[in-house]
Amino acid sequence: MRKEIHRFLQEYEWVHISIGVIGNATFFVGSILFMPQYHPWMTIGVWLFITGSLLMLVGALGSGLKRIWARKYGPVPAADDDDV
């Protein structure tokens, strides 16, 4: 199980980055919808703001776990290496 977690955290860094970027974009759009001229859209803005914040948190946690895991267990071994 540790080997699979190790590979996921190290080889799929793009997942953490993508979640963070989507979260940033969602947060940004939600923030814009708080402006007075978009008052009818404020409820949607609140939900985009909350969703974006959550996605940014998940992306940051994934990146943080990757760094902690790499520090503890080292880089991902070659695909044919089973020593993890």
Protein backbone atom coordinates (compact mmCIF):
# COMPACT_ATOMS: atom_id res chain seq x y z
CA MET A 1 0.00 0.00 0.00
CA ARG A 2 2.84 2.40 0.81
CA LYS A 3 4.28 1.87 -2.66
CA GLU A 4 0.99 2.92 -4.31
CA ILE A 5 0.70 6.01 -2.11
CA HIS A 6 4.33 6.85 -2.84
CA ARG A 7 3.81 6.60 -6.59
CA PHE A 8 0.56 8.58 -6.50
CA LEU A 9 2.04 11.43 -4.46
CA GLN A 10 5.22 11.62 -6.53
CA GLU A 11 4.16 10.77 -10.08
CA TYR A 12 0.79 12.52 -10.16
CA GLU A 13 1.85 15.93 -8.92
CA TRP A 14 -0.15 17.42 -11.80
CA VAL A 15 -3.32 16.33 -9.95
CA HIS A 16 -2.48 18.50 -6.93
CA ILE A 17 -1.47 21.40 -9.14
CA SER A 18 -4.62 21.10 -11.28
CA ILE A 19 -6.90 21.01 -8.23
CA GLY A 20 -5.14 24.11 -6.87
CA VAL A 21 -5.40 26.01 -10.16
CA ILE A 22 -9.09 25.16 -10.57
CA GLY A 23 -9.61 26.24 -6.96
CA ASN A 24 -7.83 29.55 -7.59
CA ALA A 25 -9.92 30.25 -10.70
CA THR A 26 -13.17 29.34 -8.91
CA PHE A 27 -12.22 31.50 -5.92
CA PHE A 28 -11.39 34.41 -8.24
CA VAL A 29 -14.68 34.21 -10.15
CA GLY A 30 -16.60 33.88 -6.89
CA SER A 31 -14.83 36.96 -5.55
CA ILE A 32 -15.79 38.98 -8.63
CA LEU A 33 -19.44 38.04 -8.10
CA PHE A 34 -19.32 39.82 -4.72
CA MET A 35 -19.02 43.17 -6.53
CA PRO A 36 -22.14 45.38 -6.36
CA GLN A 37 -22.90 45.24 -10.08
CA TYR A 38 -23.22 41.44 -9.84
CA HIS A 39 -25.54 41.48 -6.82
CA PRO A 40 -28.09 39.07 -8.40
CA TRP A 41 -25.26 36.53 -8.72
CA MET A 42 -24.02 36.90 -5.15
CA THR A 43 -25.34 33.51 -3.96
CA ILE A 44 -23.52 31.76 -6.79
CA GLY A 45 -20.46 33.83 -5.93
CA VAL A 46 -20.61 32.63 -2.33
CA TRP A 47 -20.70 28.99 -3.43
CA LEU A 48 -17.88 29.51 -5.94
CA PHE A 49 -15.87 31.25 -3.22
CA ILE A 50 -16.42 28.36 -0.78
CA THR A 51 -15.75 25.70 -3.43
CA GLY A 52 -12.62 27.47 -4.63
CA SER A 53 -11.33 27.77 -1.08
CA LEU A 54 -11.87 24.05 -0.51
CA LEU A 55 -10.14 23.11 -3.76
CA MET A 56 -7.18 25.34 -2.94
CA LEU A 57 -6.95 23.64 0.46
CA VAL A 58 -7.06 20.15 -1.10
CA GLY A 59 -4.41 21.12 -3.67
CA ALA A 60 -2.15 22.58 -0.98
CA LEU A 61 -2.59 19.51 1.24
CA GLY A 62 -1.70 17.24 -1.67
CA SER A 63 1.42 19.24 -2.45
CA GLY A 64 2.38 19.34 1.22
CA LEU A 65 1.91 15.60 1.61
CA LYS A 66 4.05 15.05 -1.47
CA ARG A 67 6.89 17.07 0.05
CA ILE A 68 6.62 15.38 3.44
CA TRP A 69 6.46 11.94 1.84
CA ALA A 70 9.46 12.68 -0.40
CA ARG A 71 11.47 13.90 2.58
CA LYS A 72 10.61 10.78 4.57
CA TYR A 73 10.85 8.09 1.86
CA GLY A 74 12.90 9.74 -0.90
CA PRO A 75 12.11 10.06 -4.60
CA VAL A 76 10.06 7.55 -6.54
CA PRO A 77 12.11 4.50 -7.53
CA ALA A 78 12.19 3.19 -11.09
CA ALA A 79 9.08 1.27 -12.18
CA ASP A 80 10.83 -2.09 -11.81
CA ASP A 81 12.17 -1.33 -8.30
CA ASP A 82 10.01 -2.86 -5.54
CA ASP A 83 11.93 -1.61 -2.48
CA VAL A 84 9.42 1.05 -1.42
